[in-house]
C-alpha atoms as a PDB file:
ATOM      1  CA  MET A   1       2.753 -19.890  24.734  1.00  0.00           C
ATOM      2  CA  GLY A   2       1.888 -18.648  21.248  1.00  0.00           C
ATOM      3  CA  VAL A   3       1.253 -20.774  18.196  1.00  0.00           C
ATOM      4  CA  TYR A   4       2.433 -19.457  14.833  1.00  0.00           C
ATOM      5  CA  GLY A   5       1.294 -20.589  11.412  1.00  0.00           C
ATOM      6  CA  SER A   6       3.624 -20.956   8.460  1.00  0.00           C
ATOM      7  CA  TRP A   7       4.448 -17.947   6.300  1.00  0.00           C
ATOM      8  CA  GLN A   8       2.347 -17.723   3.137  1.00  0.00           C
ATOM      9  CA  THR A   9       2.229 -15.289   0.231  1.00  0.00           C
ATOM     10  CA  ALA A  10      -0.809 -13.151  -0.585  1.00  0.00           C
ATOM     11  CA  THR A  11      -0.274 -11.650  -4.054  1.00  0.00           C
ATOM     12  CA  VAL A  12      -2.220  -8.722  -5.480  1.00  0.00           C
ATOM     13  CA  THR A  13      -1.929  -8.488  -9.274  1.00  0.00           C
ATOM     14  CA  THR A  14      -2.465  -5.237 -11.240  1.00  0.00           C
ATOM     15  CA  PRO A  15      -5.006  -3.775 -11.636  1.00  0.00           C
ATOM     16  CA  ALA A  16      -6.637  -5.710  -8.813  1.00  0.00           C
ATOM     17  CA  THR A  17      -7.101  -4.380  -5.310  1.00  0.00           C
ATOM     18  CA  GLU A  18      -7.257  -7.704  -3.480  1.00  0.00           C
ATOM     19  CA  SER A  19      -5.179 -10.846  -3.288  1.00  0.00           C
ATOM     20  CA  ALA A  20      -6.327 -14.370  -3.954  1.00  0.00           C
ATOM     21  CA  ALA A  21      -7.682 -16.125  -0.869  1.00  0.00           C
ATOM     22  CA  VAL A  22      -5.147 -17.478   1.620  1.00  0.00           C
ATOM     23  CA  ASN A  23      -6.106 -20.445   3.801  1.00  0.00           C
ATOM     24  CA  LEU A  24      -4.259 -20.029   7.091  1.00  0.00           C
ATOM     25  CA  GLY A  25      -5.004 -23.683   7.921  1.00  0.00           C
ATOM     26  CA  ARG A  26      -7.034 -22.936  11.056  1.00  0.00           C
ATOM     27  CA  ASP A  27      -8.606 -19.967  12.826  1.00  0.00           C
ATOM     28  CA  TYR A  28      -6.180 -17.477  14.365  1.00  0.00           C
ATOM     29  CA  ASP A  29      -6.391 -14.570  16.822  1.00  0.00           C
ATOM     30  CA  PHE A  30      -3.916 -12.340  14.973  1.00  0.00           C
ATOM     31  CA  LEU A  31      -2.367 -11.998  11.519  1.00  0.00           C
ATOM     32  CA  GLU A  32       1.204 -10.818  11.047  1.00  0.00           C
ATOM     33  CA  ILE A  33       1.759  -9.130   7.687  1.00  0.00           C
ATOM     34  CA  VAL A  34       5.002  -8.047   6.016  1.00  0.00           C
ATOM     35  CA  ILE A  35       4.407  -5.169   3.611  1.00  0.00           C
ATOM     36  CA  PRO A  36       6.682  -4.952   0.545  1.00  0.00           C
ATOM     37  CA  THR A  37       7.536  -1.817  -1.448  1.00  0.00           C
ATOM     38  CA  ILE A  38       4.157  -0.493  -2.628  1.00  0.00           C
ATOM     39  CA  THR A  39       2.432   2.646  -3.874  1.00  0.00           C
ATOM     40  CA  SER A  40       0.851   4.789  -1.129  1.00  0.00           C
ATOM     41  CA  CYS A  41      -2.453   3.205  -0.157  1.00  0.00           C
ATOM     42  CA  ALA A  42      -4.540   1.707   2.605  1.00  0.00           C
ATOM     43  CA  VAL A  43      -3.848  -1.977   3.290  1.00  0.00           C
ATOM     44  CA  GLY A  44      -6.630  -4.041   4.817  1.00  0.00           C
ATOM     45  CA  LEU A  45      -8.113  -7.511   5.073  1.00  0.00           C
ATOM     46  CA  GLN A  46     -11.196  -9.369   4.010  1.00  0.00           C
ATOM     47  CA  VAL A  47     -12.016 -12.459   6.080  1.00  0.00           C
ATOM     48  CA  SER A  48     -14.081 -15.615   5.716  1.00  0.00           C
ATOM     49  CA  LYS A  49     -14.890 -18.767   7.692  1.00  0.00           C
ATOM     50  CA  ASP A  50     -15.860 -20.790   4.598  1.00  0.00           C
ATOM     51  CA  ASN A  51     -13.781 -19.252   1.745  1.00  0.00           C
ATOM     52  CA  SER A  52     -16.951 -18.045   0.015  1.00  0.00           C
ATOM     53  CA  THR A  53     -18.617 -15.325   2.115  1.00  0.00           C
ATOM     54  CA  TRP A  54     -16.206 -12.399   2.606  1.00  0.00           C
ATOM     55  CA  LYS A  55     -16.344  -9.443   5.016  1.00  0.00           C
ATOM     56  CA  ALA A  56     -14.077  -6.441   5.465  1.00  0.00           C
ATOM     57  CA  LEU A  57     -12.115  -6.586   8.718  1.00  0.00           C
ATOM     58  CA  GLY A  58     -11.991  -3.312  10.661  1.00  0.00           C
ATOM     59  CA  ASP A  59      -9.565  -0.518   9.946  1.00  0.00           C
ATOM     60  CA  GLY A  60      -6.615  -0.952   7.630  1.00  0.00           C
ATOM     61  CA  ILE A  61      -3.075   0.384   7.668  1.00  0.00           C
ATOM     62  CA  THR A  62      -2.232   3.525   5.670  1.00  0.00           C
ATOM     63  CA  THR A  63       1.185   3.288   4.034  1.00  0.00           C
ATOM     64  CA  ALA A  64       3.472   5.779   2.333  1.00  0.00           C
ATOM     65  CA  ALA A  65       5.081   5.224  -1.060  1.00  0.00           C
ATOM     66  CA  GLY A  66       8.146   3.019  -0.896  1.00  0.00           C
ATOM     67  CA  THR A  67       7.137   1.275   2.322  1.00  0.00           C
ATOM     68  CA  HIS A  68       9.095  -1.962   2.533  1.00  0.00           C
ATOM     69  CA  ASN A  69      10.237  -4.491   5.083  1.00  0.00           C
ATOM     70  CA  TYR A  70       7.482  -3.168   7.321  1.00  0.00           C
ATOM     71  CA  SER A  71       5.588  -5.592   9.521  1.00  0.00           C
ATOM     72  CA  ASP A  72       2.317  -5.068  11.343  1.00  0.00           C
ATOM     73  CA  VAL A  73      -0.274  -7.175  13.154  1.00  0.00           C
ATOM     74  CA  PHE A  74      -4.030  -7.261  12.557  1.00  0.00           C
ATOM     75  CA  LYS A  75      -6.398  -8.485  15.267  1.00  0.00           C
ATOM     76  CA  LEU A  76      -7.952 -11.332  13.288  1.00  0.00           C
ATOM     77  CA  GLY A  77     -10.464 -12.593  15.848  1.00  0.00           C
ATOM     78  CA  GLY A  78     -10.779 -16.237  14.805  1.00  0.00           C
ATOM     79  CA  TRP A  79     -10.896 -16.176  10.997  1.00  0.00           C
ATOM     80  CA  GLN A  80      -9.220 -18.847   8.830  1.00  0.00           C
ATOM     81  CA  PHE A  81      -9.371 -17.419   5.294  1.00  0.00           C
ATOM     82  CA  ILE A  82      -8.041 -13.964   4.398  1.00  0.00           C
ATOM     83  CA  LYS A  83      -7.510 -11.699   1.402  1.00  0.00           C
ATOM     84  CA  VAL A  84      -5.150  -8.716   1.563  1.00  0.00           C
ATOM     85  CA  THR A  85      -6.734  -5.581   0.088  1.00  0.00           C
ATOM     86  CA  VAL A  86      -5.138  -2.372  -1.197  1.00  0.00           C
ATOM     87  CA  SER A  87      -6.949   0.878  -2.005  1.00  0.00           C
ATOM     88  CA  VAL A  88      -4.834   1.495  -5.136  1.00  0.00           C
ATOM     89  CA  GLY A  89      -4.522  -1.173  -7.850  1.00  0.00           C
ATOM     90  CA  GLN A  90      -0.966  -2.500  -8.004  1.00  0.00           C
ATOM     91  CA  THR A  91       1.133  -5.652  -7.952  1.00  0.00           C
ATOM     92  CA  ALA A  92       2.510  -6.681  -4.569  1.00  0.00           C
ATOM     93  CA  SER A  93       3.277  -9.871  -2.656  1.00  0.00           C
ATOM     94  CA  PHE A  94       2.637  -9.750   1.089  1.00  0.00           C
ATOM     95  CA  LEU A  95       3.920 -12.344   3.536  1.00  0.00           C
ATOM     96  CA  VAL A  96       1.274 -13.374   6.072  1.00  0.00           C
ATOM     97  CA  ARG A  97       0.978 -15.833   8.956  1.00  0.00           C
ATOM     98  CA  GLY A  98      -1.539 -16.487  11.678  1.00  0.00           C
ATOM     99  CA  MET A  99      -0.796 -16.257  15.410  1.00  0.00           C
ATOM    100  CA  ARG A 100      -2.748 -17.700  18.372  1.00  0.00           C
ATOM    101  CA  TYR A 101      -2.515 -17.326  22.118  1.00  0.00           C
END
């Protein structure tokens, strides 16, 4: 039986290319992300165990302009803190939640 975290918002503010840190509340195996309408770019994650040392997490998702109401899942691998990254500076609010098995 899976365990799902609560939905949280990760907001990227122009001209930034990463959101503020989101504390998922515990470590999770996967991260579900809902992608709003954005400019074409690569969407990825940075991860941390302690909210201070950040690492890029694997490959991102490449999106087309106007992508919206699109959901995907990242293999998170036990991280608790995340930042959503975009390759093109823009303003966007992503919904995220952790998932465990």
